[in-house]
Amino acid sequence: MADTEKTQPSGAELYRGLATEFLHHYRRGPRYIAITGVPGSNPGRVADLLASALNDAGQPTERKTVTDAPTADEFRDATIAPFRSRDDVLVVDGLDLLSKEFRGFWNFSIWLEHDPARTSDWSFVAIEQEQLGSPRESASVMLDDVNPERPQRLWADYC
């Protein structure tokens, strides 16, 4: 077992921790979580596991996968608006959910990397600079899902 695997939580522990972190900040009302990432990552699996951890924590949670490419207005009308009267969490996975048009919908978001060559001393360096940041920079949490049993949380501090 590699040294980083000894300190990395199991997948179940990581998702329980993310559920606790989310519920600490967002306790009531309709709440929305987006999960997206690079090609090769598995946002659907991560969304299912996080939704399960939220349910296990006693938080009613609904899952949705966005497979088409709706406009922001279509997405708001079809997905966000019908959920507004609920005191639950909606966990959504799909492509481009952290694009500029969609970022305002989410209370919390996860960006997935999928890099088999990632080293334990990885550090994040932004290549493109945008006023709102890139989708990965705007995410609440970044994970690398190369090892689905032990996903790695990535810390992308700028300091």
N, C-alpha and C. Protein backbone atom coordinates (compact mmCIF):
# COMPACT_ATOMS: atom_id res chain seq x y z
N MET A 1 0.85 -1.18 0.00
CA MET A 1 0.00 0.00 0.00
C MET A 1 0.89 1.24 0.00
N ALA A 2 0.63 2.17 -0.90
CA ALA A 2 1.40 3.41 -0.97
C ALA A 2 1.12 4.28 0.25
N ASP A 3 2.08 5.16 0.57
CA ASP A 3 1.92 6.03 1.74
C ASP A 3 0.66 6.88 1.67
N THR A 4 0.33 7.38 0.48
CA THR A 4 -0.87 8.22 0.37
C THR A 4 -2.13 7.41 0.61
N GLU A 5 -2.11 6.13 0.26
CA GLU A 5 -3.30 5.29 0.50
C GLU A 5 -3.52 5.08 1.99
N LYS A 6 -2.46 5.11 2.79
CA LYS A 6 -2.60 4.94 4.23
C LYS A 6 -3.32 6.13 4.86
N THR A 7 -3.13 7.31 4.27
CA THR A 7 -3.74 8.51 4.85
C THR A 7 -5.03 8.91 4.16
N GLN A 8 -5.29 8.40 2.97
CA GLN A 8 -6.51 8.71 2.25
C GLN A 8 -7.67 7.92 2.86
N PRO A 9 -8.80 8.57 3.10
CA PRO A 9 -9.95 7.82 3.60
C PRO A 9 -10.50 6.90 2.52
N SER A 10 -11.23 5.88 2.96
CA SER A 10 -11.90 5.02 1.99
C SER A 10 -12.97 5.85 1.29
N GLY A 11 -13.50 5.32 0.20
CA GLY A 11 -14.55 6.04 -0.51
C GLY A 11 -15.74 6.33 0.39
N ALA A 12 -16.17 5.33 1.18
CA ALA A 12 -17.32 5.53 2.08
C ALA A 12 -17.03 6.63 3.09
N GLU A 13 -15.83 6.64 3.66
CA GLU A 13 -15.47 7.68 4.64
C GLU A 13 -15.44 9.06 3.99
N LEU A 14 -14.89 9.13 2.78
CA LEU A 14 -14.81 10.40 2.08
C LEU A 14 -16.21 10.96 1.82
N TYR A 15 -17.12 10.12 1.34
CA TYR A 15 -18.47 10.61 1.02
C TYR A 15 -19.25 10.96 2.28
N ARG A 16 -19.06 10.21 3.37
CA ARG A 16 -19.67 10.60 4.65
C ARG A 16 -19.15 11.96 5.09
N GLY A 17 -17.86 12.18 4.93
CA GLY A 17 -17.27 13.47 5.29
C GLY A 17 -17.81 14.60 4.44
N LEU A 18 -17.95 14.36 3.13
CA LEU A 18 -18.51 15.40 2.25
C LEU A 18 -19.96 15.69 2.61
N ALA A 19 -20.73 14.66 2.94
CA ALA A 19 -22.12 14.86 3.35
C ALA A 19 -22.17 15.70 4.63
N THR A 20 -21.32 15.39 5.58
CA THR A 20 -21.27 16.15 6.84
C THR A 20 -20.88 17.60 6.57
N GLU A 21 -19.87 17.80 5.73
CA GLU A 21 -19.41 19.14 5.38
C GLU A 21 -20.55 19.94 4.73
N PHE A 22 -21.22 19.33 3.77
CA PHE A 22 -22.31 20.01 3.09
C PHE A 22 -23.44 20.36 4.06
N LEU A 23 -23.87 19.40 4.86
CA LEU A 23 -25.00 19.63 5.77
C LEU A 23 -24.66 20.62 6.88
N HIS A 24 -23.40 20.74 7.21
CA HIS A 24 -22.98 21.75 8.19
C HIS A 24 -23.27 23.16 7.66
N HIS A 25 -23.05 23.35 6.38
CA HIS A 25 -23.23 24.68 5.78
C HIS A 25 -24.63 24.91 5.21
N TYR A 26 -25.30 23.85 4.81
CA TYR A 26 -26.60 23.96 4.15
C TYR A 26 -27.58 23.00 4.83
N ARG A 27 -28.26 23.50 5.85
CA ARG A 27 -29.11 22.62 6.68
C ARG A 27 -30.55 22.52 6.23
N ARG A 28 -31.11 23.56 5.67
CA ARG A 28 -32.55 23.60 5.37
C ARG A 28 -32.82 24.18 4.00
N GLY A 29 -34.04 23.89 3.55
CA GLY A 29 -34.52 24.44 2.28
C GLY A 29 -34.10 23.57 1.11
N PRO A 30 -34.49 23.99 -0.07
CA PRO A 30 -34.04 23.27 -1.27
C PRO A 30 -32.55 23.55 -1.47
N ARG A 31 -31.78 22.50 -1.64
CA ARG A 31 -30.33 22.63 -1.81
C ARG A 31 -29.91 21.83 -3.02
N TYR A 32 -28.91 22.35 -3.72
CA TYR A 32 -28.52 21.80 -5.01
C TYR A 32 -27.02 21.52 -5.06
N ILE A 33 -26.67 20.31 -5.51
CA ILE A 33 -25.27 19.91 -5.65
C ILE A 33 -25.03 19.48 -7.09
N ALA A 34 -23.96 19.99 -7.70
CA ALA A 34 -23.55 19.60 -9.05
C ALA A 34 -22.30 18.75 -8.98
N ILE A 35 -22.25 17.72 -9.83
CA ILE A 35 -21.05 16.90 -9.94
C ILE A 35 -20.74 16.73 -11.42
N THR A 36 -19.54 17.16 -11.80
CA THR A 36 -19.09 17.11 -13.18
C THR A 36 -17.58 16.94 -13.19
N GLY A 37 -16.98 16.84 -14.36
CA GLY A 37 -15.54 16.70 -14.40
C GLY A 37 -15.00 16.46 -15.78
N VAL A 38 -13.76 16.02 -15.81
CA VAL A 38 -13.05 15.80 -17.07
C VAL A 38 -13.56 14.51 -17.73
N PRO A 39 -13.36 14.38 -19.05
CA PRO A 39 -13.68 13.11 -19.71
C PRO A 39 -12.90 11.97 -19.03
N GLY A 40 -13.56 10.86 -18.88
CA GLY A 40 -12.94 9.71 -18.24
C GLY A 40 -13.30 9.59 -16.77
N SER A 41 -13.77 10.68 -16.17
CA SER A 41 -14.22 10.62 -14.78
C SER A 41 -15.64 10.05 -14.76
N ASN A 42 -16.12 9.73 -13.57
CA ASN A 42 -17.43 9.10 -13.45
C ASN A 42 -18.33 9.90 -12.51
N PRO A 43 -18.87 11.04 -12.98
CA PRO A 43 -19.72 11.86 -12.12
C PRO A 43 -20.96 11.14 -11.61
N GLY A 44 -21.53 10.26 -12.41
CA GLY A 44 -22.73 9.53 -11.98
C GLY A 44 -22.47 8.67 -10.77
N ARG A 45 -21.36 7.98 -10.75
CA ARG A 45 -21.01 7.12 -9.61
C ARG A 45 -20.80 7.98 -8.36
N VAL A 46 -20.06 9.07 -8.50
CA VAL A 46 -19.80 9.95 -7.37
C VAL A 46 -21.11 10.55 -6.86
N ALA A 47 -21.98 10.96 -7.77
CA ALA A 47 -23.27 11.52 -7.37
C ALA A 47 -24.10 10.49 -6.61
N ASP A 48 -24.11 9.25 -7.08
CA ASP A 48 -24.85 8.19 -6.39
C ASP A 48 -24.31 7.96 -4.98
N LEU A 49 -22.99 7.94 -4.86
CA LEU A 49 -22.37 7.69 -3.54
C LEU A 49 -22.59 8.85 -2.58
N LEU A 50 -22.51 10.08 -3.08
CA LEU A 50 -22.77 11.23 -2.22
C LEU A 50 -24.24 11.27 -1.81
N ALA A 51 -25.15 11.02 -2.74
CA ALA A 51 -26.58 10.99 -2.42
C ALA A 51 -26.86 9.93 -1.37
N SER A 52 -26.23 8.78 -1.48
CA SER A 52 -26.40 7.72 -0.50
C SER A 52 -25.90 8.15 0.87
N ALA A 53 -24.75 8.81 0.91
CA ALA A 53 -24.20 9.30 2.18
C ALA A 53 -25.12 10.35 2.81
N LEU A 54 -25.71 11.21 1.99
CA LEU A 54 -26.66 12.21 2.50
C LEU A 54 -27.90 11.53 3.06
N ASN A 55 -28.41 10.54 2.34
CA ASN A 55 -29.57 9.78 2.83
C ASN A 55 -29.24 9.08 4.14
N ASP A 56 -28.05 8.47 4.23
CA ASP A 56 -27.62 7.80 5.46
C ASP A 56 -27.53 8.78 6.63
N ALA A 57 -27.25 10.05 6.32
CA ALA A 57 -27.17 11.09 7.36
C ALA A 57 -28.56 11.62 7.72
N GLY A 58 -29.60 11.04 7.13
CA GLY A 58 -30.96 11.45 7.44
C GLY A 58 -31.50 12.57 6.58
N GLN A 59 -30.79 12.89 5.51
CA GLN A 59 -31.21 13.98 4.62
C GLN A 59 -31.87 13.41 3.37
N PRO A 60 -33.19 13.65 3.19
CA PRO A 60 -33.84 13.20 1.95
C PRO A 60 -33.14 13.83 0.74
N THR A 61 -32.82 12.98 -0.21
CA THR A 61 -32.01 13.40 -1.36
C THR A 61 -32.59 12.80 -2.63
N GLU A 62 -32.61 13.60 -3.66
CA GLU A 62 -33.05 13.13 -4.97
C GLU A 62 -31.88 13.21 -5.93
N ARG A 63 -31.81 12.28 -6.88
CA ARG A 63 -30.74 12.22 -7.88
C ARG A 63 -31.28 12.53 -9.26
N LYS A 64 -30.47 13.22 -10.05
CA LYS A 64 -30.82 13.49 -11.44
C LYS A 64 -29.55 13.49 -12.26
N THR A 65 -29.64 12.93 -13.45
CA THR A 65 -28.55 12.97 -14.41
C THR A 65 -28.99 13.79 -15.60
N VAL A 66 -28.18 14.74 -16.00
CA VAL A 66 -28.45 15.57 -17.17
C VAL A 66 -27.65 14.99 -18.33
N THR A 67 -28.36 14.44 -19.31
CA THR A 67 -27.67 13.82 -20.43
C THR A 67 -27.72 14.67 -21.70
N ASP A 68 -28.68 15.56 -21.76
CA ASP A 68 -28.75 16.43 -22.93
C ASP A 68 -27.99 17.72 -22.62
N ALA A 69 -28.09 18.68 -23.47
CA ALA A 69 -27.40 19.96 -23.27
C ALA A 69 -28.42 21.08 -23.21
N PRO A 70 -29.15 21.19 -22.09
CA PRO A 70 -30.16 22.25 -22.01
C PRO A 70 -29.51 23.61 -21.86
N THR A 71 -30.27 24.63 -22.22
CA THR A 71 -29.82 25.99 -21.92
C THR A 71 -30.02 26.20 -20.42
N ALA A 72 -29.45 27.25 -19.89
CA ALA A 72 -29.61 27.55 -18.47
C ALA A 72 -31.09 27.78 -18.14
N ASP A 73 -31.81 28.46 -19.00
CA ASP A 73 -33.24 28.70 -18.76
C ASP A 73 -34.04 27.40 -18.78
N GLU A 74 -33.75 26.52 -19.74
CA GLU A 74 -34.43 25.23 -19.80
C GLU A 74 -34.14 24.40 -18.55
N PHE A 75 -32.89 24.42 -18.11
CA PHE A 75 -32.49 23.67 -16.93
C PHE A 75 -33.20 24.22 -15.68
N ARG A 76 -33.24 25.53 -15.56
CA ARG A 76 -33.92 26.15 -14.42
C ARG A 76 -35.39 25.74 -14.39
N ASP A 77 -36.06 25.82 -15.54
CA ASP A 77 -37.49 25.50 -15.61
C ASP A 77 -37.77 24.02 -15.35
N ALA A 78 -36.94 23.13 -15.91
CA ALA A 78 -37.21 21.70 -15.83
C ALA A 78 -36.67 21.04 -14.56
N THR A 79 -35.60 21.57 -13.98
CA THR A 79 -34.94 20.89 -12.88
C THR A 79 -34.95 21.69 -11.58
N ILE A 80 -34.56 22.93 -11.63
CA ILE A 80 -34.42 23.74 -10.42
C ILE A 80 -35.77 24.18 -9.88
N ALA A 81 -36.59 24.79 -10.71
CA ALA A 81 -37.87 25.35 -10.26
C ALA A 81 -38.80 24.33 -9.60
N PRO A 82 -38.98 23.14 -10.15
CA PRO A 82 -39.89 22.19 -9.50
C PRO A 82 -39.42 21.73 -8.11
N PHE A 83 -38.17 21.93 -7.81
CA PHE A 83 -37.59 21.47 -6.56
C PHE A 83 -37.60 22.55 -5.48
N ARG A 84 -37.92 23.78 -5.84
CA ARG A 84 -37.79 24.93 -4.94
C ARG A 84 -38.63 24.86 -3.67
N SER A 85 -39.76 24.17 -3.69
CA SER A 85 -40.63 24.14 -2.51
C SER A 85 -40.27 23.02 -1.54
N ARG A 86 -39.23 22.27 -1.84
CA ARG A 86 -38.87 21.11 -1.03
C ARG A 86 -37.77 21.44 -0.02
N ASP A 87 -37.71 20.63 1.02
CA ASP A 87 -36.67 20.77 2.04
C ASP A 87 -35.70 19.59 1.90
N ASP A 88 -35.25 19.37 0.67
CA ASP A 88 -34.43 18.23 0.33
C ASP A 88 -33.20 18.70 -0.43
N VAL A 89 -32.35 17.73 -0.76
CA VAL A 89 -31.15 18.01 -1.56
C VAL A 89 -31.32 17.34 -2.91
N LEU A 90 -31.00 18.07 -3.95
CA LEU A 90 -30.98 17.53 -5.31
C LEU A 90 -29.53 17.41 -5.74
N VAL A 91 -29.10 16.19 -6.06
CA VAL A 91 -27.74 15.93 -6.52
C VAL A 91 -27.82 15.64 -8.01
N VAL A 92 -27.12 16.47 -8.80
CA VAL A 92 -27.20 16.39 -10.26
C VAL A 92 -25.81 16.13 -10.82
N ASP A 93 -25.72 15.17 -11.74
CA ASP A 93 -24.46 14.98 -12.46
C ASP A 93 -24.71 15.21 -13.94
N GLY A 94 -23.66 15.62 -14.62
CA GLY A 94 -23.75 15.85 -16.05
C GLY A 94 -22.59 16.71 -16.53
N LEU A 95 -22.55 16.93 -17.82
CA LEU A 95 -21.49 17.73 -18.43
C LEU A 95 -21.75 19.22 -18.25
N ASP A 96 -20.71 19.97 -18.12
CA ASP A 96 -20.74 21.44 -18.15
C ASP A 96 -21.61 22.07 -17.05
N LEU A 97 -21.84 21.38 -15.96
CA LEU A 97 -22.69 21.94 -14.90
C LEU A 97 -22.02 23.08 -14.16
N LEU A 98 -20.72 23.26 -14.36
CA LEU A 98 -20.02 24.38 -13.73
C LEU A 98 -19.60 25.44 -14.75
N SER A 99 -20.24 25.40 -15.92
CA SER A 99 -19.99 26.47 -16.88
C SER A 99 -20.58 27.76 -16.30
N LYS A 100 -20.17 28.87 -16.84
CA LYS A 100 -20.60 30.18 -16.30
C LYS A 100 -22.11 30.30 -16.20
N GLU A 101 -22.83 29.75 -17.17
CA GLU A 101 -24.29 29.88 -17.21
C GLU A 101 -24.99 29.11 -16.09
N PHE A 102 -24.34 28.07 -15.56
CA PHE A 102 -24.98 27.18 -14.60
C PHE A 102 -24.48 27.36 -13.16
N ARG A 103 -23.40 28.06 -12.96
CA ARG A 103 -22.79 28.12 -11.63
C ARG A 103 -23.70 28.67 -10.54
N GLY A 104 -24.56 29.58 -10.87
CA GLY A 104 -25.42 30.20 -9.87
C GLY A 104 -26.50 29.28 -9.31
N PHE A 105 -26.70 28.12 -9.90
CA PHE A 105 -27.73 27.20 -9.43
C PHE A 105 -27.30 26.41 -8.20
N TRP A 106 -26.01 26.28 -7.97
CA TRP A 106 -25.49 25.30 -7.02
C TRP A 106 -25.12 25.89 -5.67
N ASN A 107 -25.47 25.17 -4.61
CA ASN A 107 -24.97 25.50 -3.28
C ASN A 107 -23.59 24.89 -3.07
N PHE A 108 -23.32 23.78 -3.76
CA PHE A 108 -22.11 22.99 -3.54
C PHE A 108 -21.82 22.26 -4.84
N SER A 109 -20.55 22.05 -5.14
CA SER A 109 -20.22 21.37 -6.39
C SER A 109 -18.94 20.56 -6.23
N ILE A 110 -18.85 19.52 -7.04
CA ILE A 110 -17.66 18.66 -7.06
C ILE A 110 -17.15 18.57 -8.48
N TRP A 111 -15.87 18.83 -8.64
CA TRP A 111 -15.19 18.68 -9.93
C TRP A 111 -14.33 17.43 -9.85
N LEU A 112 -14.48 16.55 -10.83
CA LEU A 112 -13.72 15.30 -10.86
C LEU A 112 -12.58 15.36 -11.87
N GLU A 113 -11.42 15.06 -11.38
CA GLU A 113 -10.25 14.83 -12.22
C GLU A 113 -10.15 13.32 -12.40
N HIS A 114 -9.41 12.89 -13.38
CA HIS A 114 -9.19 11.46 -13.60
C HIS A 114 -7.80 11.33 -14.21
N ASP A 115 -6.79 11.29 -13.35
CA ASP A 115 -5.41 11.35 -13.82
C ASP A 115 -4.60 10.21 -13.22
N PRO A 116 -4.44 9.09 -13.96
CA PRO A 116 -3.68 7.95 -13.45
C PRO A 116 -2.23 8.29 -13.12
N ALA A 117 -1.68 9.35 -13.71
CA ALA A 117 -0.28 9.71 -13.47
C ALA A 117 -0.10 10.72 -12.33
N ARG A 118 -1.18 11.07 -11.63
CA ARG A 118 -1.08 12.07 -10.57
C ARG A 118 -0.15 11.58 -9.47
N THR A 119 0.73 12.44 -9.03
CA THR A 119 1.64 12.09 -7.94
C THR A 119 1.10 12.64 -6.63
N SER A 120 1.62 12.13 -5.52
CA SER A 120 1.13 12.56 -4.21
C SER A 120 1.51 14.00 -3.90
N ASP A 121 2.50 14.56 -4.60
CA ASP A 121 2.89 15.95 -4.34
C ASP A 121 2.28 16.91 -5.35
N TRP A 122 1.17 16.49 -5.97
CA TRP A 122 0.48 17.30 -6.96
C TRP A 122 0.10 18.65 -6.38
N SER A 123 0.24 19.67 -7.18
CA SER A 123 -0.26 20.99 -6.79
C SER A 123 -0.96 21.60 -7.99
N PHE A 124 -1.95 22.40 -7.72
CA PHE A 124 -2.81 22.96 -8.74
C PHE A 124 -2.23 24.26 -9.26
N VAL A 125 -2.15 24.40 -10.56
CA VAL A 125 -1.72 25.64 -11.17
C VAL A 125 -2.73 25.98 -12.25
N ALA A 126 -3.35 27.14 -12.14
CA ALA A 126 -4.33 27.55 -13.14
C ALA A 126 -3.60 27.96 -14.41
N ILE A 127 -4.06 27.46 -15.52
CA ILE A 127 -3.47 27.81 -16.80
C ILE A 127 -4.19 29.00 -17.40
N GLU A 128 -5.49 28.96 -17.38
CA GLU A 128 -6.27 30.06 -17.92
C GLU A 128 -6.80 30.91 -16.78
N GLN A 129 -6.80 32.18 -16.96
CA GLN A 129 -7.32 33.09 -15.95
C GLN A 129 -8.60 33.73 -16.48
N GLU A 130 -9.69 33.50 -15.78
CA GLU A 130 -10.97 34.09 -16.13
C GLU A 130 -11.47 34.85 -14.92
N GLN A 131 -12.32 35.82 -15.14
CA GLN A 131 -12.86 36.58 -14.03
C GLN A 131 -13.60 35.67 -13.06
N LEU A 132 -14.37 34.72 -13.57
CA LEU A 132 -15.11 33.79 -12.72
C LEU A 132 -14.34 32.51 -12.45
N GLY A 133 -13.17 32.36 -13.02
CA GLY A 133 -12.39 31.13 -12.85
C GLY A 133 -12.90 30.04 -13.76
N SER A 134 -12.08 29.04 -13.94
CA SER A 134 -12.48 27.90 -14.76
C SER A 134 -13.46 27.05 -13.96
N PRO A 135 -14.16 26.12 -14.61
CA PRO A 135 -15.09 25.27 -13.87
C PRO A 135 -14.41 24.54 -12.70
N ARG A 136 -13.21 24.02 -12.91
CA ARG A 136 -12.54 23.31 -11.81
C ARG A 136 -12.18 24.26 -10.68
N GLU A 137 -11.88 25.51 -10.98
CA GLU A 137 -11.56 26.48 -9.94
C GLU A 137 -12.79 26.91 -9.15
N SER A 138 -13.95 26.80 -9.75
CA SER A 138 -15.17 27.26 -9.09
C SER A 138 -15.80 26.18 -8.21
N ALA A 139 -15.33 24.95 -8.31
CA ALA A 139 -15.92 23.84 -7.56
C ALA A 139 -15.65 23.98 -6.06
N SER A 140 -16.60 23.53 -5.27
CA SER A 140 -16.43 23.50 -3.82
C SER A 140 -15.37 22.48 -3.42
N VAL A 141 -15.34 21.37 -4.16
CA VAL A 141 -14.45 20.25 -3.85
C VAL A 141 -13.92 19.69 -5.17
N MET A 142 -12.64 19.30 -5.16
CA MET A 142 -12.05 18.60 -6.30
C MET A 142 -11.64 17.21 -5.84
N LEU A 143 -11.97 16.20 -6.65
CA LEU A 143 -11.60 14.82 -6.37
C LEU A 143 -10.93 14.22 -7.59
N ASP A 144 -10.03 13.28 -7.36
CA ASP A 144 -9.50 12.45 -8.44
C ASP A 144 -10.11 11.07 -8.23
N ASP A 145 -10.83 10.58 -9.22
CA ASP A 145 -11.55 9.30 -9.08
C ASP A 145 -10.88 8.13 -9.80
N VAL A 146 -9.57 8.20 -10.02
CA VAL A 146 -8.87 7.10 -10.69
C VAL A 146 -9.07 5.80 -9.92
N ASN A 147 -8.95 5.84 -8.60
CA ASN A 147 -9.21 4.66 -7.77
C ASN A 147 -10.58 4.87 -7.13
N PRO A 148 -11.64 4.27 -7.68
CA PRO A 148 -12.98 4.53 -7.18
C PRO A 148 -13.19 4.08 -5.73
N GLU A 149 -12.38 3.14 -5.25
CA GLU A 149 -12.52 2.68 -3.87
C GLU A 149 -11.85 3.65 -2.89
N ARG A 150 -10.96 4.48 -3.40
CA ARG A 150 -10.24 5.42 -2.56
C ARG A 150 -10.01 6.73 -3.34
N PRO A 151 -11.10 7.46 -3.62
CA PRO A 151 -10.94 8.71 -4.36
C PRO A 151 -10.07 9.67 -3.55
N GLN A 152 -9.33 10.48 -4.26
CA GLN A 152 -8.39 11.40 -3.61
C GLN A 152 -8.94 12.81 -3.65
N ARG A 153 -9.11 13.42 -2.49
CA ARG A 153 -9.52 14.82 -2.47
C ARG A 153 -8.31 15.66 -2.79
N LEU A 154 -8.48 16.60 -3.70
CA LEU A 154 -7.41 17.47 -4.13
C LEU A 154 -7.60 18.84 -3.52
N TRP A 155 -6.54 19.38 -3.01
CA TRP A 155 -6.59 20.72 -2.40
C TRP A 155 -5.88 21.66 -3.35
N ALA A 156 -6.58 22.68 -3.79
CA ALA A 156 -6.06 23.59 -4.79
C ALA A 156 -5.94 24.99 -4.23
N ASP A 157 -5.22 25.10 -3.16
CA ASP A 157 -5.05 26.41 -2.52
C ASP A 157 -4.15 27.29 -3.38
N TYR A 158 -4.40 28.57 -3.32
CA TYR A 158 -3.60 29.53 -4.06
C TYR A 158 -2.52 30.15 -3.21
N CYS A 159 -2.40 29.74 -1.97
CA CYS A 159 -1.39 30.35 -1.10
C CYS A 159 -0.13 29.54 -1.04
